Amino acid sequence: MAELAAEVGAQLGAEIGYTDVPAEKLVEILSGAGVPAGFAAILADTDVHVRENGALDNPGTDLTDLIGRPTTPLTDAVAEALKA
């Protein structure tokens, strides 16, 4: 998420900060927004594994194979989202 914040900031010409939220706080935030506590805990645990273990990092072609087209580089995806 820090990389995403940095890219958005670079494209906007502004400083975009990112603060990593500890799992316990994330559960509190999600629960406060109406997410059931058990599911909020699962989401927070997933966030921890993504952050600490790179759980979503995949240098292979799995996503490209799945969607049937090349993946979109982060810079291009952010530029497109900012146009919308």
C-alpha atoms as a PDB file:
ATOM      1  CA  MET A   1       0.000   0.000   0.000  1.00  0.00           C
ATOM      2  CA  ALA A   2       2.940   2.322   0.609  1.00  0.00           C
ATOM      3  CA  GLU A   3       3.981   1.825  -3.023  1.00  0.00           C
ATOM      4  CA  LEU A   4       0.451   2.676  -4.175  1.00  0.00           C
ATOM      5  CA  ALA A   5       0.352   5.818  -2.020  1.00  0.00           C
ATOM      6  CA  ALA A   6       3.737   6.893  -3.390  1.00  0.00           C
ATOM      7  CA  GLU A   7       2.596   6.376  -6.994  1.00  0.00           C
ATOM      8  CA  VAL A   8      -0.641   8.290  -6.483  1.00  0.00           C
ATOM      9  CA  GLY A   9       1.325  11.097  -4.845  1.00  0.00           C
ATOM     10  CA  ALA A  10       3.846  11.188  -7.671  1.00  0.00           C
ATOM     11  CA  GLN A  11       1.118  11.425 -10.288  1.00  0.00           C
ATOM     12  CA  LEU A  12      -0.772  14.096  -8.355  1.00  0.00           C
ATOM     13  CA  GLY A  13       2.372  16.015  -7.495  1.00  0.00           C
ATOM     14  CA  ALA A  14       1.479  15.795  -3.819  1.00  0.00           C
ATOM     15  CA  GLU A  15       2.700  14.017  -0.720  1.00  0.00           C
ATOM     16  CA  ILE A  16       0.403  11.083   0.015  1.00  0.00           C
ATOM     17  CA  GLY A  17       1.129   9.449   3.328  1.00  0.00           C
ATOM     18  CA  TYR A  18       0.460   5.853   4.241  1.00  0.00           C
ATOM     19  CA  THR A  19       0.099   4.618   7.778  1.00  0.00           C
ATOM     20  CA  ASP A  20       0.114   0.897   8.359  1.00  0.00           C
ATOM     21  CA  VAL A  21      -2.676   0.000  10.774  1.00  0.00           C
ATOM     22  CA  PRO A  22      -1.983  -2.776  13.306  1.00  0.00           C
ATOM     23  CA  ALA A  23      -4.269  -5.794  12.985  1.00  0.00           C
ATOM     24  CA  GLU A  24      -6.121  -5.117  16.246  1.00  0.00           C
ATOM     25  CA  LYS A  25      -6.913  -1.556  15.174  1.00  0.00           C
ATOM     26  CA  LEU A  26      -7.990  -2.723  11.718  1.00  0.00           C
ATOM     27  CA  VAL A  27     -10.448  -5.171  13.299  1.00  0.00           C
ATOM     28  CA  GLU A  28     -11.804  -2.290  15.399  1.00  0.00           C
ATOM     29  CA  ILE A  29     -12.169  -0.019  12.354  1.00  0.00           C
ATOM     30  CA  LEU A  30     -13.818  -2.679  10.215  1.00  0.00           C
ATOM     31  CA  SER A  31     -16.162  -3.758  13.010  1.00  0.00           C
ATOM     32  CA  GLY A  32     -17.105  -0.124  13.584  1.00  0.00           C
ATOM     33  CA  ALA A  33     -18.002   0.106   9.893  1.00  0.00           C
ATOM     34  CA  GLY A  34     -20.391  -2.824  10.253  1.00  0.00           C
ATOM     35  CA  VAL A  35     -18.194  -5.728   9.174  1.00  0.00           C
ATOM     36  CA  PRO A  36     -18.960  -8.776  11.339  1.00  0.00           C
ATOM     37  CA  ALA A  37     -16.189  -9.269  13.922  1.00  0.00           C
ATOM     38  CA  GLY A  38     -15.161 -12.724  12.667  1.00  0.00           C
ATOM     39  CA  PHE A  39     -14.832 -11.532   9.088  1.00  0.00           C
ATOM     40  CA  ALA A  40     -13.005  -8.376  10.222  1.00  0.00           C
ATOM     41  CA  ALA A  41     -10.476 -10.639  11.975  1.00  0.00           C
ATOM     42  CA  ILE A  42     -10.003 -12.667   8.778  1.00  0.00           C
ATOM     43  CA  LEU A  43      -9.437  -9.496   6.748  1.00  0.00           C
ATOM     44  CA  ALA A  44      -6.945  -8.177   9.300  1.00  0.00           C
ATOM     45  CA  ASP A  45      -5.080 -11.487   9.324  1.00  0.00           C
ATOM     46  CA  THR A  46      -4.933 -11.424   5.528  1.00  0.00           C
ATOM     47  CA  ASP A  47      -3.538  -7.898   5.673  1.00  0.00           C
ATOM     48  CA  VAL A  48      -0.800  -9.065   8.057  1.00  0.00           C
ATOM     49  CA  HIS A  49       0.182 -11.937   5.755  1.00  0.00           C
ATOM     50  CA  VAL A  50       0.260  -9.672   2.715  1.00  0.00           C
ATOM     51  CA  ARG A  51       2.430  -7.130   4.535  1.00  0.00           C
ATOM     52  CA  GLU A  52       4.800  -9.467   6.370  1.00  0.00           C
ATOM     53  CA  ASN A  53       4.997 -12.465   4.045  1.00  0.00           C
ATOM     54  CA  GLY A  54       4.264 -11.008   0.631  1.00  0.00           C
ATOM     55  CA  ALA A  55       1.257 -13.309   0.413  1.00  0.00           C
ATOM     56  CA  LEU A  56       0.006 -11.687  -2.796  1.00  0.00           C
ATOM     57  CA  ASP A  57       3.392 -11.333  -4.481  1.00  0.00           C
ATOM     58  CA  ASN A  58       3.606 -13.581  -7.489  1.00  0.00           C
ATOM     59  CA  PRO A  59       6.399 -13.009  -9.984  1.00  0.00           C
ATOM     60  CA  GLY A  60       4.914 -15.640 -12.298  1.00  0.00           C
ATOM     61  CA  THR A  61       2.238 -15.345 -14.943  1.00  0.00           C
ATOM     62  CA  ASP A  62      -0.701 -16.682 -12.920  1.00  0.00           C
ATOM     63  CA  LEU A  63      -2.760 -13.487 -13.107  1.00  0.00           C
ATOM     64  CA  THR A  64      -1.984 -12.945 -16.790  1.00  0.00           C
ATOM     65  CA  ASP A  65      -2.995 -16.530 -17.497  1.00  0.00           C
ATOM     66  CA  LEU A  66      -6.180 -16.159 -15.471  1.00  0.00           C
ATOM     67  CA  ILE A  67      -7.397 -12.933 -17.066  1.00  0.00           C
ATOM     68  CA  GLY A  68      -6.152 -13.745 -20.554  1.00  0.00           C
ATOM     69  CA  ARG A  69      -4.226 -10.514 -21.092  1.00  0.00           C
ATOM     70  CA  PRO A  70      -1.086  -8.851 -19.771  1.00  0.00           C
ATOM     71  CA  THR A  71      -1.389  -7.260 -16.347  1.00  0.00           C
ATOM     72  CA  THR A  72      -1.493  -3.487 -16.098  1.00  0.00           C
ATOM     73  CA  PRO A  73       1.562  -1.788 -14.576  1.00  0.00           C
ATOM     74  CA  LEU A  74       0.829   0.163 -11.386  1.00  0.00           C
ATOM     75  CA  THR A  75       1.691   3.506 -12.984  1.00  0.00           C
ATOM     76  CA  ASP A  76      -0.822   2.892 -15.775  1.00  0.00           C
ATOM     77  CA  ALA A  77      -3.541   1.657 -13.413  1.00  0.00           C
ATOM     78  CA  VAL A  78      -3.169   4.715 -11.178  1.00  0.00           C
ATOM     79  CA  ALA A  79      -3.197   7.071 -14.165  1.00  0.00           C
ATOM     80  CA  GLU A  80      -6.404   5.458 -15.448  1.00  0.00           C
ATOM     81  CA  ALA A  81      -8.056   5.594 -12.017  1.00  0.00           C
ATOM     82  CA  LEU A  82      -7.153   9.252 -11.594  1.00  0.00           C
ATOM     83  CA  LYS A  83      -8.823  10.076 -14.914  1.00  0.00           C
ATOM     84  CA  ALA A  84     -12.129   8.648 -13.697  1.00  0.00           C
END
